[in-house]
C-alpha cells in the first residue's frame, strides 16, 4: 500500500488531503503545555505500552517486567473478542495493568478518568500497536495508525512522557535512506523541556512465535518443514533478519536508559543479526537450522505449502499482519 501511495496516482491524490491527514489538529495544538515541567525527572519508569499482546509486543512486555527500573506497565487498547471472556496478559506480573479498548477509538477506549490517571503518571510511551496490510486502503487503516499517533501525543503531554514509536525499516526502502520523513509529527512547540521522541525501525523480525501470515517468517518456517526453499534468485537485495528478542531488548534499553536531546527525534534502526541474500536463503537455513533444502520455483513452493496445509494464504502478497 505504501508503494502505491508514493507513486502519485491521481485518484489517490484527489481523495486524500495529505496536509490535513498529517496535521496535529486544533485540539492537540491547544493541549500543548505552555509552561515547563516543574517536577524532576523520575528514575522509576512507568510505561504505557500498545500492541502488548502481539509478536513483538510480548517480547517488549517481558523485558519491561524483567527490568528493575520499571514499576508500572499500562497495556492499553487490548482488543476484546465479542462474547468471550476478557483477554489475560500472556505474562504474569503485579507491574502489568490491562485496559480493554481499541487504537481506533478516542483515548483508545479509556474513560476520561482512566486517561487522566495514566497520562499524568507515565514517564514513557512505547507505541508498538498498529495494523499492517498490503491489501487494505489508506482510509481503512488511518484510524488505527494515523489517528492513534495523535492520541499517543495527547497521552504524552501532561507529564512530558518520552515517546518510543515502533515503525519499520521498510520506510527507508520506499523513501530512500536520506529522506527525512518522520512517522511522528513533532514540531518544536510539541516537545517542551524534557520531552523526547525515538523512532525505532526494525527490519525483518524473526522468531518462533511469529504469525504464520508474516511472509518472511513463513518462508523460513515452511522451507525448514518441507525441506524446500523457493528460488528467489531473481529477487534483488537481501533479507536483513533480526531476532524478536534483540529488537525488544533494543527498544526497552532505549526506553529505560537511552539518552536523547530535548525536542529532538532519534531514529534507531533495529537490524543486522543476519544479512541473507535472496539467493542465499537455502545456505542460511542449512547453517542456522541444519536442514538442507531443495531449491524449487516460487510457484511450486507455494503449491507445496498449500498442499501440506502449512500456508493459509492463496498468494504471498495477500499477507496481512496485525500487531494487536
C-alpha atoms as a PDB file:
ATOM      1  CA  UNK A   1       0.000   0.000   0.000  1.00  0.00           C
ATOM      2  CA  UNK A   2       2.790   2.406   0.901  1.00  0.00           C
ATOM      3  CA  UNK A   3       4.362   1.933  -2.522  1.00  0.00           C
ATOM      4  CA  UNK A   4       1.058   2.775  -4.174  1.00  0.00           C
ATOM      5  CA  UNK A   5       0.753   5.940  -2.119  1.00  0.00           C
ATOM      6  CA  UNK A   6       4.211   7.067  -3.185  1.00  0.00           C
ATOM      7  CA  UNK A   7       3.514   6.619  -6.902  1.00  0.00           C
ATOM      8  CA  UNK A   8       1.494   9.811  -7.070  1.00  0.00           C
ATOM      9  CA  UNK A   9      -1.572   8.238  -8.644  1.00  0.00           C
ATOM     10  CA  UNK A  10      -4.066  10.993  -9.434  1.00  0.00           C
ATOM     11  CA  UNK A  11      -7.089   9.234  -7.980  1.00  0.00           C
ATOM     12  CA  UNK A  12      -5.342   8.816  -4.620  1.00  0.00           C
ATOM     13  CA  UNK A  13      -4.151  12.428  -4.563  1.00  0.00           C
ATOM     14  CA  UNK A  14      -7.680  13.664  -5.250  1.00  0.00           C
ATOM     15  CA  UNK A  15      -9.221  11.622  -2.456  1.00  0.00           C
ATOM     16  CA  UNK A  16      -6.668  12.271   0.293  1.00  0.00           C
ATOM     17  CA  UNK A  17      -5.778  15.685   1.687  1.00  0.00           C
ATOM     18  CA  UNK A  18      -2.286  14.889   2.956  1.00  0.00           C
ATOM     19  CA  UNK A  19      -1.857  18.250   4.697  1.00  0.00           C
ATOM     20  CA  UNK A  20      -4.997  17.593   6.713  1.00  0.00           C
ATOM     21  CA  UNK A  21      -4.082  13.962   7.371  1.00  0.00           C
ATOM     22  CA  UNK A  22      -0.650  14.818   8.757  1.00  0.00           C
ATOM     23  CA  UNK A  23      -1.626  17.916  10.733  1.00  0.00           C
ATOM     24  CA  UNK A  24      -1.728  17.811  14.509  1.00  0.00           C
ATOM     25  CA  UNK A  25      -5.273  19.120  14.671  1.00  0.00           C
ATOM     26  CA  UNK A  26      -6.549  22.094  16.622  1.00  0.00           C
ATOM     27  CA  UNK A  27      -7.470  20.066  19.716  1.00  0.00           C
ATOM     28  CA  UNK A  28      -3.945  18.710  20.048  1.00  0.00           C
ATOM     29  CA  UNK A  29      -2.341  22.111  19.428  1.00  0.00           C
ATOM     30  CA  UNK A  30      -4.455  23.634  22.194  1.00  0.00           C
ATOM     31  CA  UNK A  31      -3.348  20.840  24.561  1.00  0.00           C
ATOM     32  CA  UNK A  32       0.354  21.653  24.253  1.00  0.00           C
ATOM     33  CA  UNK A  33       1.577  22.931  27.653  1.00  0.00           C
ATOM     34  CA  UNK A  34       2.962  26.430  27.584  1.00  0.00           C
ATOM     35  CA  UNK A  35       4.846  26.123  30.881  1.00  0.00           C
ATOM     36  CA  UNK A  36       7.912  23.968  31.561  1.00  0.00           C
ATOM     37  CA  UNK A  37       7.593  20.867  33.703  1.00  0.00           C
ATOM     38  CA  UNK A  38       8.288  21.747  37.332  1.00  0.00           C
ATOM     39  CA  UNK A  39       8.904  18.257  38.719  1.00  0.00           C
ATOM     40  CA  UNK A  40      12.263  16.476  38.450  1.00  0.00           C
ATOM     41  CA  UNK A  41      12.571  13.532  36.030  1.00  0.00           C
ATOM     42  CA  UNK A  42      11.755  10.218  37.694  1.00  0.00           C
ATOM     43  CA  UNK A  43      14.321   7.424  37.848  1.00  0.00           C
ATOM     44  CA  UNK A  44      11.470   4.904  38.083  1.00  0.00           C
ATOM     45  CA  UNK A  45       9.780   4.233  34.760  1.00  0.00           C
ATOM     46  CA  UNK A  46       6.021   3.979  34.400  1.00  0.00           C
ATOM     47  CA  UNK A  47       5.296   2.790  30.876  1.00  0.00           C
ATOM     48  CA  UNK A  48       2.290   2.911  28.565  1.00  0.00           C
ATOM     49  CA  UNK A  49       2.507   0.097  26.006  1.00  0.00           C
ATOM     50  CA  UNK A  50       0.351  -0.545  22.932  1.00  0.00           C
ATOM     51  CA  UNK A  51       0.395  -3.775  20.951  1.00  0.00           C
ATOM     52  CA  UNK A  52       1.344  -5.633  24.141  1.00  0.00           C
ATOM     53  CA  UNK A  53      -0.130  -8.991  23.148  1.00  0.00           C
ATOM     54  CA  UNK A  54       1.377  -9.170  19.655  1.00  0.00           C
ATOM     55  CA  UNK A  55       4.522 -10.953  18.448  1.00  0.00           C
ATOM     56  CA  UNK A  56       6.953  -8.130  19.237  1.00  0.00           C
ATOM     57  CA  UNK A  57       4.745  -6.689  21.985  1.00  0.00           C
ATOM     58  CA  UNK A  58       5.006  -9.788  24.168  1.00  0.00           C
ATOM     59  CA  UNK A  59       8.793  -9.691  23.965  1.00  0.00           C
ATOM     60  CA  UNK A  60       8.795  -5.993  24.892  1.00  0.00           C
ATOM     61  CA  UNK A  61       6.390  -6.670  27.758  1.00  0.00           C
ATOM     62  CA  UNK A  62       8.617  -9.442  29.135  1.00  0.00           C
ATOM     63  CA  UNK A  63      11.701  -7.225  29.026  1.00  0.00           C
ATOM     64  CA  UNK A  64       9.834  -4.413  30.786  1.00  0.00           C
ATOM     65  CA  UNK A  65       8.709  -6.816  33.519  1.00  0.00           C
ATOM     66  CA  UNK A  66      12.292  -8.027  33.959  1.00  0.00           C
ATOM     67  CA  UNK A  67      13.694  -4.501  34.234  1.00  0.00           C
ATOM     68  CA  UNK A  68      14.086  -3.358  37.849  1.00  0.00           C
ATOM     69  CA  UNK A  69      13.723   0.315  36.853  1.00  0.00           C
ATOM     70  CA  UNK A  70      10.185  -0.239  35.525  1.00  0.00           C
ATOM     71  CA  UNK A  71       7.498  -0.074  38.218  1.00  0.00           C
ATOM     72  CA  UNK A  72       4.280   0.035  36.166  1.00  0.00           C
ATOM     73  CA  UNK A  73       3.246  -1.141  32.687  1.00  0.00           C
ATOM     74  CA  UNK A  74      -0.100   0.068  31.388  1.00  0.00           C
ATOM     75  CA  UNK A  75      -1.146  -2.135  28.444  1.00  0.00           C
ATOM     76  CA  UNK A  76      -3.850  -0.161  26.646  1.00  0.00           C
ATOM     77  CA  UNK A  77      -6.040  -0.755  23.582  1.00  0.00           C
ATOM     78  CA  UNK A  78      -6.315  -4.502  24.187  1.00  0.00           C
ATOM     79  CA  UNK A  79      -8.976  -5.720  21.787  1.00  0.00           C
ATOM     80  CA  UNK A  80     -11.610  -7.963  23.334  1.00  0.00           C
ATOM     81  CA  UNK A  81     -13.270 -10.583  21.106  1.00  0.00           C
ATOM     82  CA  UNK A  82     -17.076 -10.343  21.332  1.00  0.00           C
ATOM     83  CA  UNK A  83     -18.893 -12.808  23.587  1.00  0.00           C
ATOM     84  CA  UNK A  84     -15.651 -14.136  25.055  1.00  0.00           C
ATOM     85  CA  UNK A  85     -14.000 -13.719  28.485  1.00  0.00           C
ATOM     86  CA  UNK A  86     -11.594 -10.768  28.856  1.00  0.00           C
ATOM     87  CA  UNK A  87      -8.147 -11.403  27.428  1.00  0.00           C
ATOM     88  CA  UNK A  88      -5.470 -12.034  30.018  1.00  0.00           C
ATOM     89  CA  UNK A  89      -1.867 -10.983  29.879  1.00  0.00           C
ATOM     90  CA  UNK A  90       0.487 -13.634  28.462  1.00  0.00           C
ATOM     91  CA  UNK A  91       2.888 -12.632  31.242  1.00  0.00           C
ATOM     92  CA  UNK A  92       2.051 -12.527  34.951  1.00  0.00           C
ATOM     93  CA  UNK A  93       3.376  -9.616  36.979  1.00  0.00           C
ATOM     94  CA  UNK A  94       1.983  -7.106  39.505  1.00  0.00           C
ATOM     95  CA  UNK A  95       3.541  -4.392  37.323  1.00  0.00           C
ATOM     96  CA  UNK A  96       1.073  -5.078  34.494  1.00  0.00           C
ATOM     97  CA  UNK A  97      -2.270  -3.289  34.203  1.00  0.00           C
ATOM     98  CA  UNK A  98      -4.611  -4.292  31.343  1.00  0.00           C
ATOM     99  CA  UNK A  99      -7.143  -1.952  29.710  1.00  0.00           C
ATOM    100  CA  UNK A 100      -9.604  -3.157  27.110  1.00  0.00           C
ATOM    101  CA  UNK A 101     -10.024  -0.868  24.117  1.00  0.00           C
ATOM    102  CA  UNK A 102      -9.014  -0.201  20.547  1.00  0.00           C
ATOM    103  CA  UNK A 103      -6.434   2.011  18.844  1.00  0.00           C
ATOM    104  CA  UNK A 104      -9.118   3.454  16.573  1.00  0.00           C
ATOM    105  CA  UNK A 105     -11.062   4.968  19.488  1.00  0.00           C
ATOM    106  CA  UNK A 106     -10.534   8.325  21.230  1.00  0.00           C
ATOM    107  CA  UNK A 107      -8.319   7.775  24.292  1.00  0.00           C
ATOM    108  CA  UNK A 108      -8.079   4.177  22.963  1.00  0.00           C
ATOM    109  CA  UNK A 109     -11.410   3.490  24.622  1.00  0.00           C
ATOM    110  CA  UNK A 110     -10.354   4.605  28.103  1.00  0.00           C
ATOM    111  CA  UNK A 111     -12.665   6.658  30.277  1.00  0.00           C
ATOM    112  CA  UNK A 112     -11.655  10.257  30.894  1.00  0.00           C
ATOM    113  CA  UNK A 113     -10.762   9.320  34.473  1.00  0.00           C
ATOM    114  CA  UNK A 114      -8.511   6.467  33.311  1.00  0.00           C
ATOM    115  CA  UNK A 115      -6.910   8.667  30.669  1.00  0.00           C
ATOM    116  CA  UNK A 116      -6.120  11.411  33.208  1.00  0.00           C
ATOM    117  CA  UNK A 117      -4.746   8.915  35.721  1.00  0.00           C
ATOM    118  CA  UNK A 118      -2.421   7.279  33.195  1.00  0.00           C
ATOM    119  CA  UNK A 119      -1.312  10.365  31.269  1.00  0.00           C
ATOM    120  CA  UNK A 120      -0.342  12.296  34.395  1.00  0.00           C
ATOM    121  CA  UNK A 121       1.765   9.448  35.796  1.00  0.00           C
ATOM    122  CA  UNK A 122       3.557   7.758  32.886  1.00  0.00           C
ATOM    123  CA  UNK A 123       7.162   8.619  32.103  1.00  0.00           C
ATOM    124  CA  UNK A 124       7.474   6.592  28.905  1.00  0.00           C
ATOM    125  CA  UNK A 125       5.303   5.501  25.968  1.00  0.00           C
ATOM    126  CA  UNK A 126       6.123   2.562  23.707  1.00  0.00           C
ATOM    127  CA  UNK A 127       3.724   2.707  20.776  1.00  0.00           C
ATOM    128  CA  UNK A 128       4.003  -0.737  19.223  1.00  0.00           C
ATOM    129  CA  UNK A 129       0.391  -1.247  18.146  1.00  0.00           C
ATOM    130  CA  UNK A 130      -0.651  -0.899  14.513  1.00  0.00           C
ATOM    131  CA  UNK A 131      -2.483  -2.612  11.703  1.00  0.00           C
ATOM    132  CA  UNK A 132      -0.362  -3.532   8.687  1.00  0.00           C
ATOM    133  CA  UNK A 133      -1.847  -4.677   5.400  1.00  0.00           C
ATOM    134  CA  UNK A 134      -0.801  -4.640   1.752  1.00  0.00           C
ATOM    135  CA  UNK A 135      -4.422  -5.081   0.671  1.00  0.00           C
ATOM    136  CA  UNK A 136      -6.458  -2.577   2.704  1.00  0.00           C
ATOM    137  CA  UNK A 137      -6.938   1.039   1.667  1.00  0.00           C
ATOM    138  CA  UNK A 138      -5.393   4.012   3.454  1.00  0.00           C
ATOM    139  CA  UNK A 139      -8.843   5.121   4.638  1.00  0.00           C
ATOM    140  CA  UNK A 140      -9.497   1.783   6.341  1.00  0.00           C
ATOM    141  CA  UNK A 141      -6.151   1.912   8.162  1.00  0.00           C
ATOM    142  CA  UNK A 142      -5.876   5.592   9.072  1.00  0.00           C
ATOM    143  CA  UNK A 143      -7.896   5.442  12.309  1.00  0.00           C
ATOM    144  CA  UNK A 144      -5.721   2.695  13.811  1.00  0.00           C
ATOM    145  CA  UNK A 145      -2.421   4.097  12.535  1.00  0.00           C
ATOM    146  CA  UNK A 146      -2.619   7.857  11.927  1.00  0.00           C
ATOM    147  CA  UNK A 147      -5.272   8.917  14.437  1.00  0.00           C
ATOM    148  CA  UNK A 148      -3.728   6.640  17.056  1.00  0.00           C
ATOM    149  CA  UNK A 149      -0.447   8.538  16.743  1.00  0.00           C
ATOM    150  CA  UNK A 150      -2.267  11.758  17.603  1.00  0.00           C
ATOM    151  CA  UNK A 151      -3.760  10.021  20.640  1.00  0.00           C
ATOM    152  CA  UNK A 152      -0.268   8.941  21.717  1.00  0.00           C
ATOM    153  CA  UNK A 153       0.845  12.577  21.597  1.00  0.00           C
ATOM    154  CA  UNK A 154      -2.099  13.504  23.833  1.00  0.00           C
ATOM    155  CA  UNK A 155      -1.044  10.851  26.360  1.00  0.00           C
ATOM    156  CA  UNK A 156       2.490  12.239  26.390  1.00  0.00           C
ATOM    157  CA  UNK A 157       1.691  15.891  27.082  1.00  0.00           C
ATOM    158  CA  UNK A 158       0.689  16.135  30.784  1.00  0.00           C
ATOM    159  CA  UNK A 159       3.876  14.523  32.156  1.00  0.00           C
ATOM    160  CA  UNK A 160       6.104  15.101  29.091  1.00  0.00           C
ATOM    161  CA  UNK A 161       6.382  11.322  28.652  1.00  0.00           C
ATOM    162  CA  UNK A 162       9.115  10.183  26.280  1.00  0.00           C
ATOM    163  CA  UNK A 163       7.729   8.515  23.148  1.00  0.00           C
ATOM    164  CA  UNK A 164       9.138   5.390  21.520  1.00  0.00           C
ATOM    165  CA  UNK A 165       7.367   4.832  18.218  1.00  0.00           C
ATOM    166  CA  UNK A 166       7.839   1.386  16.658  1.00  0.00           C
ATOM    167  CA  UNK A 167       7.861   1.753  12.889  1.00  0.00           C
ATOM    168  CA  UNK A 168       9.525  -0.428  10.236  1.00  0.00           C
ATOM    169  CA  UNK A 169      12.779  -0.475   8.312  1.00  0.00           C
ATOM    170  CA  UNK A 170      10.654  -0.697   5.180  1.00  0.00           C
ATOM    171  CA  UNK A 171      10.178   3.080   5.369  1.00  0.00           C
ATOM    172  CA  UNK A 172      13.725   3.546   4.065  1.00  0.00           C
ATOM    173  CA  UNK A 173      13.091   1.038   1.261  1.00  0.00           C
ATOM    174  CA  UNK A 174      10.208   3.164  -0.033  1.00  0.00           C
ATOM    175  CA  UNK A 175      11.508   6.666   0.583  1.00  0.00           C
ATOM    176  CA  UNK A 176      15.256   6.186   0.343  1.00  0.00           C
ATOM    177  CA  UNK A 177      17.767   6.359   3.214  1.00  0.00           C
ATOM    178  CA  UNK A 178      18.248  10.133   3.034  1.00  0.00           C
ATOM    179  CA  UNK A 179      14.582  11.090   3.260  1.00  0.00           C
ATOM    180  CA  UNK A 180      13.846  12.981   6.487  1.00  0.00           C
ATOM    181  CA  UNK A 181      10.202  11.926   6.788  1.00  0.00           C
ATOM    182  CA  UNK A 182       9.258  11.221  10.390  1.00  0.00           C
ATOM    183  CA  UNK A 183       6.460   8.860  11.400  1.00  0.00           C
ATOM    184  CA  UNK A 184       5.582  11.136  14.333  1.00  0.00           C
ATOM    185  CA  UNK A 185       4.853  14.835  13.718  1.00  0.00           C
ATOM    186  CA  UNK A 186       6.971  16.585  16.334  1.00  0.00           C
ATOM    187  CA  UNK A 187       7.170  20.339  15.857  1.00  0.00           C
ATOM    188  CA  UNK A 188       9.419  22.161  18.294  1.00  0.00           C
ATOM    189  CA  UNK A 189       6.438  23.510  20.236  1.00  0.00           C
ATOM    190  CA  UNK A 190       5.212  19.976  20.968  1.00  0.00           C
ATOM    191  CA  UNK A 191       8.321  18.951  22.879  1.00  0.00           C
ATOM    192  CA  UNK A 192       8.842  21.489  25.655  1.00  0.00           C
ATOM    193  CA  UNK A 193      11.686  20.972  28.135  1.00  0.00           C
ATOM    194  CA  UNK A 194      12.230  17.243  28.766  1.00  0.00           C
ATOM    195  CA  UNK A 195      10.015  15.539  26.163  1.00  0.00           C
ATOM    196  CA  UNK A 196      11.921  13.277  23.750  1.00  0.00           C
ATOM    197  CA  UNK A 197      10.996  11.050  20.836  1.00  0.00           C
ATOM    198  CA  UNK A 198      12.598   7.898  19.446  1.00  0.00           C
ATOM    199  CA  UNK A 199      11.515   6.155  16.254  1.00  0.00           C
ATOM    200  CA  UNK A 200      12.502   2.500  16.090  1.00  0.00           C
ATOM    201  CA  UNK A 201      12.716   0.940  12.629  1.00  0.00           C
ATOM    202  CA  UNK A 202      13.203  -2.843  12.890  1.00  0.00           C
ATOM    203  CA  UNK A 203      13.954  -4.833   9.760  1.00  0.00           C
ATOM    204  CA  UNK A 204      12.594  -8.372   9.212  1.00  0.00           C
ATOM    205  CA  UNK A 205      11.792  -9.624  12.717  1.00  0.00           C
ATOM    206  CA  UNK A 206      12.124 -13.376  13.142  1.00  0.00           C
ATOM    207  CA  UNK A 207      11.159 -15.695  15.977  1.00  0.00           C
ATOM    208  CA  UNK A 208       9.433 -18.960  16.848  1.00  0.00           C
ATOM    209  CA  UNK A 209       6.119 -17.265  17.680  1.00  0.00           C
ATOM    210  CA  UNK A 210       5.929 -15.099  14.567  1.00  0.00           C
ATOM    211  CA  UNK A 211       2.455 -15.156  12.980  1.00  0.00           C
ATOM    212  CA  UNK A 212       2.155 -17.504  10.009  1.00  0.00           C
ATOM    213  CA  UNK A 213       0.836 -14.586   7.950  1.00  0.00           C
ATOM    214  CA  UNK A 214       4.230 -12.843   8.145  1.00  0.00           C
ATOM    215  CA  UNK A 215       5.803 -13.537   4.748  1.00  0.00           C
ATOM    216  CA  UNK A 216       9.499 -13.739   5.684  1.00  0.00           C
ATOM    217  CA  UNK A 217       8.896 -15.911   8.748  1.00  0.00           C
ATOM    218  CA  UNK A 218       6.519 -18.092   6.723  1.00  0.00           C
ATOM    219  CA  UNK A 219       9.161 -18.681   4.050  1.00  0.00           C
ATOM    220  CA  UNK A 220      11.748 -19.635   6.681  1.00  0.00           C
ATOM    221  CA  UNK A 221       9.427 -21.800   8.777  1.00  0.00           C
ATOM    222  CA  UNK A 222       7.812 -23.689   5.916  1.00  0.00           C
ATOM    223  CA  UNK A 223      11.050 -24.144   3.991  1.00  0.00           C
ATOM    224  CA  UNK A 224      12.513 -25.897   7.022  1.00  0.00           C
ATOM    225  CA  UNK A 225       9.438 -28.105   7.408  1.00  0.00           C
ATOM    226  CA  UNK A 226       9.216 -29.031   3.721  1.00  0.00           C
ATOM    227  CA  UNK A 227      12.972 -29.125   3.114  1.00  0.00           C
ATOM    228  CA  UNK A 228      12.328 -26.983   0.068  1.00  0.00           C
ATOM    229  CA  UNK A 229      13.314 -23.386  -0.450  1.00  0.00           C
ATOM    230  CA  UNK A 230      11.782 -21.082  -3.097  1.00  0.00           C
ATOM    231  CA  UNK A 231      14.066 -19.885  -5.862  1.00  0.00           C
ATOM    232  CA  UNK A 232      14.434 -16.168  -5.151  1.00  0.00           C
ATOM    233  CA  UNK A 233      17.494 -15.630  -7.316  1.00  0.00           C
ATOM    234  CA  UNK A 234      15.523 -13.179  -9.488  1.00  0.00           C
ATOM    235  CA  UNK A 235      14.757 -11.035  -6.432  1.00  0.00           C
ATOM    236  CA  UNK A 236      17.080  -8.123  -5.715  1.00  0.00           C
ATOM    237  CA  UNK A 237      18.657  -7.231  -2.393  1.00  0.00           C
ATOM    238  CA  UNK A 238      18.907  -9.118   0.886  1.00  0.00           C
ATOM    239  CA  UNK A 239      16.866 -10.057   3.915  1.00  0.00           C
ATOM    240  CA  UNK A 240      18.082  -8.136   6.970  1.00  0.00           C
ATOM    241  CA  UNK A 241      16.929 -10.505   9.689  1.00  0.00           C
ATOM    242  CA  UNK A 242      16.842  -9.576  13.365  1.00  0.00           C
ATOM    243  CA  UNK A 243      15.536 -11.673  16.255  1.00  0.00           C
ATOM    244  CA  UNK A 244      12.453 -10.525  18.134  1.00  0.00           C
ATOM    245  CA  UNK A 245      14.456 -10.761  21.383  1.00  0.00           C
ATOM    246  CA  UNK A 246      17.090  -8.329  20.125  1.00  0.00           C
ATOM    247  CA  UNK A 247      14.523  -5.869  18.787  1.00  0.00           C
ATOM    248  CA  UNK A 248      12.654  -5.878  22.100  1.00  0.00           C
ATOM    249  CA  UNK A 249      15.891  -5.502  24.067  1.00  0.00           C
ATOM    250  CA  UNK A 250      16.955  -2.527  21.944  1.00  0.00           C
ATOM    251  CA  UNK A 251      13.611  -0.777  22.375  1.00  0.00           C
ATOM    252  CA  UNK A 252      13.446  -1.358  26.133  1.00  0.00           C
ATOM    253  CA  UNK A 253      17.072  -0.301  26.633  1.00  0.00           C
ATOM    254  CA  UNK A 254      16.374   2.969  24.813  1.00  0.00           C
ATOM    255  CA  UNK A 255      13.139   3.461  26.767  1.00  0.00           C
ATOM    256  CA  UNK A 256      14.765   2.906  30.156  1.00  0.00           C
ATOM    257  CA  UNK A 257      18.383   4.008  29.730  1.00  0.00           C
ATOM    258  CA  UNK A 258      18.516   5.794  26.394  1.00  0.00           C
ATOM    259  CA  UNK A 259      19.778   9.327  26.111  1.00  0.00           C
ATOM    260  CA  UNK A 260      18.326  11.864  23.728  1.00  0.00           C
ATOM    261  CA  UNK A 261      18.262  15.572  23.127  1.00  0.00           C
ATOM    262  CA  UNK A 262      15.245  17.550  24.318  1.00  0.00           C
ATOM    263  CA  UNK A 263      12.880  18.365  21.496  1.00  0.00           C
ATOM    264  CA  UNK A 264      14.716  16.163  19.001  1.00  0.00           C
ATOM    265  CA  UNK A 265      13.838  12.914  17.263  1.00  0.00           C
ATOM    266  CA  UNK A 266      16.209   9.939  17.449  1.00  0.00           C
ATOM    267  CA  UNK A 267      15.837   7.338  14.680  1.00  0.00           C
ATOM    268  CA  UNK A 268      17.138   3.913  15.700  1.00  0.00           C
ATOM    269  CA  UNK A 269      17.403   1.049  13.204  1.00  0.00           C
ATOM    270  CA  UNK A 270      17.000  -2.398  14.782  1.00  0.00           C
ATOM    271  CA  UNK A 271      18.840  -4.643  12.336  1.00  0.00           C
ATOM    272  CA  UNK A 272      21.820  -6.757  11.473  1.00  0.00           C
ATOM    273  CA  UNK A 273      21.584 -10.174  13.168  1.00  0.00           C
ATOM    274  CA  UNK A 274      21.712 -11.906   9.779  1.00  0.00           C
ATOM    275  CA  UNK A 275      22.123 -10.399   6.317  1.00  0.00           C
ATOM    276  CA  UNK A 276      20.863 -13.035   3.884  1.00  0.00           C
ATOM    277  CA  UNK A 277      20.885 -12.552   0.130  1.00  0.00           C
ATOM    278  CA  UNK A 278      17.762 -13.709  -1.691  1.00  0.00           C
ATOM    279  CA  UNK A 279      19.775 -16.365  -3.485  1.00  0.00           C
ATOM    280  CA  UNK A 280      21.421 -17.466  -0.233  1.00  0.00           C
ATOM    281  CA  UNK A 281      18.281 -18.410   1.684  1.00  0.00           C
ATOM    282  CA  UNK A 282      18.965 -22.143   1.414  1.00  0.00           C
ATOM    283  CA  UNK A 283      22.504 -21.688   2.697  1.00  0.00           C
ATOM    284  CA  UNK A 284      21.213 -19.675   5.665  1.00  0.00           C
ATOM    285  CA  UNK A 285      18.685 -22.387   6.561  1.00  0.00           C
ATOM    286  CA  UNK A 286      21.388 -25.070   6.388  1.00  0.00           C
ATOM    287  CA  UNK A 287      23.711 -23.047   8.629  1.00  0.00           C
ATOM    288  CA  UNK A 288      21.138 -21.923  11.216  1.00  0.00           C
ATOM    289  CA  UNK A 289      18.673 -24.844  11.225  1.00  0.00           C
ATOM    290  CA  UNK A 290      20.820 -27.724   9.991  1.00  0.00           C
ATOM    291  CA  UNK A 291      18.332 -28.527   7.216  1.00  0.00           C
ATOM    292  CA  UNK A 292      19.380 -28.996   3.599  1.00  0.00           C
ATOM    293  CA  UNK A 293      16.693 -27.753   1.236  1.00  0.00           C
ATOM    294  CA  UNK A 294      15.919 -28.417  -2.407  1.00  0.00           C
ATOM    295  CA  UNK A 295      15.578 -25.227  -4.464  1.00  0.00           C
ATOM    296  CA  UNK A 296      12.233 -25.093  -6.304  1.00  0.00           C
ATOM    297  CA  UNK A 297      10.297 -22.423  -8.194  1.00  0.00           C
ATOM    298  CA  UNK A 298       8.337 -19.937  -6.098  1.00  0.00           C
ATOM    299  CA  UNK A 299       5.007 -21.094  -7.533  1.00  0.00           C
ATOM    300  CA  UNK A 300       5.869 -24.729  -6.879  1.00  0.00           C
ATOM    301  CA  UNK A 301       6.897 -23.828  -3.318  1.00  0.00           C
ATOM    302  CA  UNK A 302       3.554 -22.077  -2.710  1.00  0.00           C
ATOM    303  CA  UNK A 303       1.589 -25.042  -4.098  1.00  0.00           C
ATOM    304  CA  UNK A 304       3.573 -27.482  -1.967  1.00  0.00           C
ATOM    305  CA  UNK A 305       2.917 -25.399   1.147  1.00  0.00           C
ATOM    306  CA  UNK A 306      -0.802 -25.231   0.395  1.00  0.00           C
ATOM    307  CA  UNK A 307      -0.990 -28.966  -0.261  1.00  0.00           C
ATOM    308  CA  UNK A 308       0.759 -29.587   3.036  1.00  0.00           C
ATOM    309  CA  UNK A 309      -1.757 -27.248   4.711  1.00  0.00           C
ATOM    310  CA  UNK A 310       1.144 -25.241   6.055  1.00  0.00           C
ATOM    311  CA  UNK A 311       0.269 -21.952   4.424  1.00  0.00           C
ATOM    312  CA  UNK A 312      -3.190 -20.464   4.861  1.00  0.00           C
ATOM    313  CA  UNK A 313      -2.913 -17.935   2.045  1.00  0.00           C
ATOM    314  CA  UNK A 314      -3.532 -18.290  -1.670  1.00  0.00           C
ATOM    315  CA  UNK A 315      -0.807 -15.856  -2.685  1.00  0.00           C
ATOM    316  CA  UNK A 316       2.140 -14.407  -0.716  1.00  0.00           C
ATOM    317  CA  UNK A 317       1.111 -10.820  -1.394  1.00  0.00           C
ATOM    318  CA  UNK A 318      -2.194 -11.388   0.385  1.00  0.00           C
ATOM    319  CA  UNK A 319      -0.253 -11.466   3.631  1.00  0.00           C
ATOM    320  CA  UNK A 320      -1.825  -9.369   6.374  1.00  0.00           C
ATOM    321  CA  UNK A 321      -0.128  -8.934   9.728  1.00  0.00           C
ATOM    322  CA  UNK A 322      -1.533  -7.029  12.715  1.00  0.00           C
ATOM    323  CA  UNK A 323       0.417  -6.358  15.862  1.00  0.00           C
ATOM    324  CA  UNK A 324      -2.524  -6.446  18.215  1.00  0.00           C
END
